[in-house]
Every structure is written in structure tokens, then in C-alpha cells.
Amino acid sequence: MLSGVHKAQNQSVFRYTLANYGIPQLLLLPAGIVITSMELLIAILILLSIIGLVNIGMMLGLGLLVVYTGLLSTVYLTGRSFDCGCNFGGSTVPIGGWHIARNLILIAVAALYFLPQAGREIFWLDYLSAITATLMITLTLIIIETMKSNNAHFSKSRETI
């Protein structure tokens, strides 16, 4: 949800990032709008799990993550180096193997949702556990990205001394 909100607030920066990924100029505006809308829609569908829309949200989210990981992998394997666009306007972090590994882990975790479930009733503690796990994974990824960007910043500082 935060990623979609950030993209909605900074469409020009997001379209610049998409251009770096190799999206043709003609498709930048529609791609920016569609991807941003998809991220927001996915978050809303997952949040509306009470009325049974979570399956659609999870499928769309998993699909978007797979496409994005494929795009990241293509950029990384071709040796191009530019900001991944994942620090929400913070310091720049070039696309690296870490981004692909992170996304593959996220794909594997998201795919667990589609495994068959036991026949027990789901109650409030299950939802609380899922929310807590999601927050912990998110915080862990934010901490790792912050450490990587700080490391890059300090490495540049040492070079200038």
C-alpha cells in the first residue's frame, strides 16, 4: 500500500525509474498509472479479505511481483546499473543480486498462501499473527535497504577523504 501511495504522489519520479528499466517513452505514462493503480487495488483487495476478495488480490500481487522480478533480473543480467527506485526518494541504491533474491523470497512467501489449508477455523489470533509477520518482514526489508544505502553513502564519503 505504501509503495502505491508513494508512486501516486511521485508519478514523474516513478516514470523516470520506469524509463531506466527500459520501458518505451510512449508507454511510460500508461505504465505508471496502471502499475500504481494495481498496487493500490491489490492492497485494498487484500485488506477486504473479510468479503472474500483476498484470493484475487493475492493472485494479482503475486503476478505483479513475478513480472517486476523478471524485469529486475533482466536489467541485472545485462549489466546495466541505475537506482532501483525502491528507497522512496532516499539515497540511490543500484540494482543488485540482493533485489532479485529479496523478490524471490517474497514470491515464495506469497505463494504459500495458495497451499491447501487445514480444516480448522481461522480466528482473530491467526489474523493478528499474519499482520505481525507481514509487519516484521516489511521492517526487516526496510532495515536491510537502509543499511545498504548507508553503506553506499559511507563508502563514497571514505573515497573523498
C-alpha atoms as a PDB file:
ATOM      1  CA  MET A   1       0.000   0.000   0.000  1.00  0.00           C
ATOM      2  CA  LEU A   2       2.784   2.420   0.947  1.00  0.00           C
ATOM      3  CA  SER A   3       4.578   1.737  -2.304  1.00  0.00           C
ATOM      4  CA  GLY A   4       1.431   2.511  -4.311  1.00  0.00           C
ATOM      5  CA  VAL A   5       0.807   5.709  -2.353  1.00  0.00           C
ATOM      6  CA  HIS A   6       4.419   6.782  -2.863  1.00  0.00           C
ATOM      7  CA  LYS A   7       4.178   6.142  -6.603  1.00  0.00           C
ATOM      8  CA  ALA A   8       0.882   8.049  -6.787  1.00  0.00           C
ATOM      9  CA  GLN A   9       2.460  11.051  -5.064  1.00  0.00           C
ATOM     10  CA  ASN A  10       5.608  10.992  -7.230  1.00  0.00           C
ATOM     11  CA  GLN A  11       4.465   9.868 -10.680  1.00  0.00           C
ATOM     12  CA  SER A  12       7.198  11.795 -12.509  1.00  0.00           C
ATOM     13  CA  VAL A  13       9.941  10.146 -10.417  1.00  0.00           C
ATOM     14  CA  PHE A  14       8.290   6.750 -10.905  1.00  0.00           C
ATOM     15  CA  ARG A  15       8.071   7.239 -14.683  1.00  0.00           C
ATOM     16  CA  TYR A  16      11.764   8.206 -14.714  1.00  0.00           C
ATOM     17  CA  THR A  17      12.544   4.938 -12.913  1.00  0.00           C
ATOM     18  CA  LEU A  18      10.425   3.019 -15.429  1.00  0.00           C
ATOM     19  CA  ALA A  19      12.362   4.682 -18.259  1.00  0.00           C
ATOM     20  CA  ASN A  20      15.602   3.427 -16.679  1.00  0.00           C
ATOM     21  CA  TYR A  21      14.144  -0.077 -16.703  1.00  0.00           C
ATOM     22  CA  GLY A  22      13.762   0.201 -20.463  1.00  0.00           C
ATOM     23  CA  ILE A  23      10.036   0.920 -20.755  1.00  0.00           C
ATOM     24  CA  PRO A  24       9.472   2.782 -24.076  1.00  0.00           C
ATOM     25  CA  GLN A  25       8.704   6.504 -23.798  1.00  0.00           C
ATOM     26  CA  LEU A  26       5.238   6.043 -25.318  1.00  0.00           C
ATOM     27  CA  LEU A  27       4.269   3.583 -22.566  1.00  0.00           C
ATOM     28  CA  LEU A  28       5.675   5.467 -19.552  1.00  0.00           C
ATOM     29  CA  LEU A  29       2.510   7.388 -18.659  1.00  0.00           C
ATOM     30  CA  PRO A  30       0.085   4.443 -19.031  1.00  0.00           C
ATOM     31  CA  ALA A  31       2.513   2.040 -17.335  1.00  0.00           C
ATOM     32  CA  GLY A  32       2.970   4.422 -14.408  1.00  0.00           C
ATOM     33  CA  ILE A  33      -0.774   4.797 -13.941  1.00  0.00           C
ATOM     34  CA  VAL A  34      -1.530   1.085 -14.371  1.00  0.00           C
ATOM     35  CA  ILE A  35       1.223  -0.121 -12.014  1.00  0.00           C
ATOM     36  CA  THR A  36       0.343   2.442  -9.350  1.00  0.00           C
ATOM     37  CA  SER A  37      -3.360   1.622  -9.614  1.00  0.00           C
ATOM     38  CA  MET A  38      -2.615  -2.108  -9.488  1.00  0.00           C
ATOM     39  CA  GLU A  39      -0.552  -1.754  -6.304  1.00  0.00           C
ATOM     40  CA  LEU A  40      -3.306   0.235  -4.614  1.00  0.00           C
ATOM     41  CA  LEU A  41      -6.007  -2.173  -5.838  1.00  0.00           C
ATOM     42  CA  ILE A  42      -4.038  -5.193  -4.626  1.00  0.00           C
ATOM     43  CA  ALA A  43      -3.672  -3.674  -1.148  1.00  0.00           C
ATOM     44  CA  ILE A  44      -7.378  -2.835  -0.986  1.00  0.00           C
ATOM     45  CA  LEU A  45      -8.417  -6.317  -2.159  1.00  0.00           C
ATOM     46  CA  ILE A  46      -6.202  -7.973   0.445  1.00  0.00           C
ATOM     47  CA  LEU A  47      -7.481  -5.657   3.168  1.00  0.00           C
ATOM     48  CA  LEU A  48     -11.048  -6.561   2.140  1.00  0.00           C
ATOM     49  CA  SER A  49     -10.402 -10.231   2.859  1.00  0.00           C
ATOM     50  CA  ILE A  50     -13.490 -10.268   5.051  1.00  0.00           C
ATOM     51  CA  ILE A  51     -15.729 -10.147   1.969  1.00  0.00           C
ATOM     52  CA  GLY A  52     -13.730 -12.774   0.082  1.00  0.00           C
ATOM     53  CA  LEU A  53     -11.603 -10.688  -2.275  1.00  0.00           C
ATOM     54  CA  VAL A  54      -8.246 -11.756  -0.863  1.00  0.00           C
ATOM     55  CA  ASN A  55      -7.712 -14.506  -3.471  1.00  0.00           C
ATOM     56  CA  ILE A  56      -7.948 -12.024  -6.327  1.00  0.00           C
ATOM     57  CA  GLY A  57      -5.622  -9.602  -4.517  1.00  0.00           C
ATOM     58  CA  MET A  58      -3.068 -12.317  -3.805  1.00  0.00           C
ATOM     59  CA  MET A  59      -3.100 -13.550  -7.412  1.00  0.00           C
ATOM     60  CA  LEU A  60      -2.670 -10.032  -8.779  1.00  0.00           C
ATOM     61  CA  GLY A  61       0.037  -9.236  -6.238  1.00  0.00           C
ATOM     62  CA  LEU A  62       1.955 -12.400  -6.956  1.00  0.00           C
ATOM     63  CA  GLY A  63       1.683 -11.778 -10.698  1.00  0.00           C
ATOM     64  CA  LEU A  64       2.911  -8.193 -10.395  1.00  0.00           C
ATOM     65  CA  LEU A  65       5.809  -9.315  -8.205  1.00  0.00           C
ATOM     66  CA  VAL A  66       6.812 -12.031 -10.692  1.00  0.00           C
ATOM     67  CA  VAL A  67       6.756  -9.549 -13.599  1.00  0.00           C
ATOM     68  CA  TYR A  68       8.771  -6.988 -11.636  1.00  0.00           C
ATOM     69  CA  THR A  69      11.310  -9.625 -10.563  1.00  0.00           C
ATOM     70  CA  GLY A  70      11.702 -10.678 -14.193  1.00  0.00           C
ATOM     71  CA  LEU A  71      12.325  -7.052 -15.156  1.00  0.00           C
ATOM     72  CA  LEU A  72      14.862  -6.630 -12.339  1.00  0.00           C
ATOM     73  CA  SER A  73      16.609  -9.852 -13.353  1.00  0.00           C
ATOM     74  CA  THR A  74      16.833  -8.736 -16.972  1.00  0.00           C
ATOM     75  CA  VAL A  75      18.349  -5.395 -16.001  1.00  0.00           C
ATOM     76  CA  TYR A  76      20.801  -7.027 -13.582  1.00  0.00           C
ATOM     77  CA  LEU A  77      21.901  -9.725 -16.028  1.00  0.00           C
ATOM     78  CA  THR A  78      22.503  -7.200 -18.810  1.00  0.00           C
ATOM     79  CA  GLY A  79      24.886  -5.330 -16.512  1.00  0.00           C
ATOM     80  CA  ARG A  80      23.070  -2.011 -16.553  1.00  0.00           C
ATOM     81  CA  SER A  81      23.458  -0.045 -13.341  1.00  0.00           C
ATOM     82  CA  PHE A  82      20.994   2.533 -12.072  1.00  0.00           C
ATOM     83  CA  ASP A  83      18.907   3.281  -8.996  1.00  0.00           C
ATOM     84  CA  CYS A  84      16.380   0.554  -8.225  1.00  0.00           C
ATOM     85  CA  GLY A  85      13.800   3.187  -7.243  1.00  0.00           C
ATOM     86  CA  CYS A  86      12.955   1.306  -4.061  1.00  0.00           C
ATOM     87  CA  ASN A  87      14.126   3.797  -1.436  1.00  0.00           C
ATOM     88  CA  PHE A  88      11.192   6.178  -1.802  1.00  0.00           C
ATOM     89  CA  GLY A  89      13.278   9.161  -2.789  1.00  0.00           C
ATOM     90  CA  GLY A  90      16.092   8.381  -0.327  1.00  0.00           C
ATOM     91  CA  SER A  91      19.636   7.636  -1.309  1.00  0.00           C
ATOM     92  CA  THR A  92      20.196   5.741  -4.520  1.00  0.00           C
ATOM     93  CA  VAL A  93      20.911   2.017  -4.454  1.00  0.00           C
ATOM     94  CA  PRO A  94      21.891   0.348  -7.734  1.00  0.00           C
ATOM     95  CA  ILE A  95      20.077  -2.826  -8.728  1.00  0.00           C
ATOM     96  CA  GLY A  96      21.911  -5.830  -7.380  1.00  0.00           C
ATOM     97  CA  GLY A  97      21.570  -9.516  -6.754  1.00  0.00           C
ATOM     98  CA  TRP A  98      20.078  -8.709  -3.353  1.00  0.00           C
ATOM     99  CA  HIS A  99      16.988  -7.200  -5.001  1.00  0.00           C
ATOM    100  CA  ILE A 100      16.375 -10.327  -7.044  1.00  0.00           C
ATOM    101  CA  ALA A 101      16.943 -12.626  -4.047  1.00  0.00           C
ATOM    102  CA  ARG A 102      14.617 -10.481  -1.909  1.00  0.00           C
ATOM    103  CA  ASN A 103      11.871 -10.649  -4.520  1.00  0.00           C
ATOM    104  CA  LEU A 104      12.270 -14.398  -4.993  1.00  0.00           C
ATOM    105  CA  ILE A 105      11.839 -14.827  -1.236  1.00  0.00           C
ATOM    106  CA  LEU A 106       8.760 -12.603  -1.310  1.00  0.00           C
ATOM    107  CA  ILE A 107       7.346 -14.646  -4.210  1.00  0.00           C
ATOM    108  CA  ALA A 108       7.919 -17.883  -2.277  1.00  0.00           C
ATOM    109  CA  VAL A 109       6.267 -16.465   0.854  1.00  0.00           C
ATOM    110  CA  ALA A 110       3.304 -15.095  -1.113  1.00  0.00           C
ATOM    111  CA  ALA A 111       2.905 -18.420  -2.952  1.00  0.00           C
ATOM    112  CA  LEU A 112       2.487 -20.164   0.413  1.00  0.00           C
ATOM    113  CA  TYR A 113      -0.956 -18.570   0.552  1.00  0.00           C
ATOM    114  CA  PHE A 114      -2.122 -20.863  -2.238  1.00  0.00           C
ATOM    115  CA  LEU A 115      -1.143 -24.097  -0.487  1.00  0.00           C
ATOM    116  CA  PRO A 116      -4.051 -26.226   0.766  1.00  0.00           C
ATOM    117  CA  GLN A 117      -5.175 -25.267   4.246  1.00  0.00           C
ATOM    118  CA  ALA A 118      -6.147 -27.454   7.168  1.00  0.00           C
ATOM    119  CA  GLY A 119      -9.790 -27.674   8.081  1.00  0.00           C
ATOM    120  CA  ARG A 120      -9.536 -25.707  11.304  1.00  0.00           C
ATOM    121  CA  GLU A 121     -11.417 -22.469  11.896  1.00  0.00           C
ATOM    122  CA  ILE A 122      -9.427 -19.269  11.425  1.00  0.00           C
ATOM    123  CA  PHE A 123      -9.900 -16.844  14.299  1.00  0.00           C
ATOM    124  CA  TRP A 124      -8.631 -13.416  15.387  1.00  0.00           C
ATOM    125  CA  LEU A 125      -5.235 -14.682  16.581  1.00  0.00           C
ATOM    126  CA  ASP A 126      -4.481 -16.037  13.096  1.00  0.00           C
ATOM    127  CA  TYR A 127      -5.165 -12.615  11.570  1.00  0.00           C
ATOM    128  CA  LEU A 128      -3.051 -10.942  14.257  1.00  0.00           C
ATOM    129  CA  SER A 129      -0.193 -13.386  13.540  1.00  0.00           C
ATOM    130  CA  ALA A 130      -0.400 -12.708   9.790  1.00  0.00           C
ATOM    131  CA  ILE A 131      -0.405  -8.939  10.298  1.00  0.00           C
ATOM    132  CA  THR A 132       2.511  -9.130  12.729  1.00  0.00           C
ATOM    133  CA  ALA A 133       4.532 -11.369  10.394  1.00  0.00           C
ATOM    134  CA  THR A 134       3.887  -9.012   7.484  1.00  0.00           C
ATOM    135  CA  LEU A 135       4.994  -6.018   9.545  1.00  0.00           C
ATOM    136  CA  MET A 136       8.139  -7.817  10.689  1.00  0.00           C
ATOM    137  CA  ILE A 137       9.064  -8.820   7.131  1.00  0.00           C
ATOM    138  CA  THR A 138       8.447  -5.253   5.951  1.00  0.00           C
ATOM    139  CA  LEU A 139      10.540  -3.762   8.752  1.00  0.00           C
ATOM    140  CA  THR A 140      13.343  -6.237   8.100  1.00  0.00           C
ATOM    141  CA  LEU A 141      13.417  -5.308   4.409  1.00  0.00           C
ATOM    142  CA  ILE A 142      13.383  -1.582   5.261  1.00  0.00           C
ATOM    143  CA  ILE A 143      16.259  -2.053   7.702  1.00  0.00           C
ATOM    144  CA  ILE A 144      18.302  -4.009   5.141  1.00  0.00           C
ATOM    145  CA  GLU A 145      17.670  -1.409   2.415  1.00  0.00           C
ATOM    146  CA  THR A 146      18.581   1.410   4.820  1.00  0.00           C
ATOM    147  CA  MET A 147      21.777  -0.359   5.823  1.00  0.00           C
ATOM    148  CA  LYS A 148      22.688  -0.898   2.165  1.00  0.00           C
ATOM    149  CA  SER A 149      22.073   2.759   1.276  1.00  0.00           C
ATOM    150  CA  ASN A 150      24.000   3.959   4.341  1.00  0.00           C
ATOM    151  CA  ASN A 151      26.864   1.638   3.453  1.00  0.00           C
ATOM    152  CA  ALA A 152      26.947   3.079  -0.088  1.00  0.00           C
ATOM    153  CA  HIS A 153      26.845   6.623   1.345  1.00  0.00           C
ATOM    154  CA  PHE A 154      29.685   5.963   3.802  1.00  0.00           C
ATOM    155  CA  SER A 155      31.766   4.242   1.111  1.00  0.00           C
ATOM    156  CA  LYS A 156      31.505   7.377  -1.044  1.00  0.00           C
ATOM    157  CA  SER A 157      32.418   9.540   1.952  1.00  0.00           C
ATOM    158  CA  ARG A 158      35.567   7.485   2.589  1.00  0.00           C
ATOM    159  CA  GLU A 159      36.628   7.799  -1.042  1.00  0.00           C
ATOM    160  CA  THR A 160      36.525  11.598  -0.906  1.00  0.00           C
ATOM    161  CA  ILE A 161      38.699  11.811   2.220  1.00  0.00           C
END
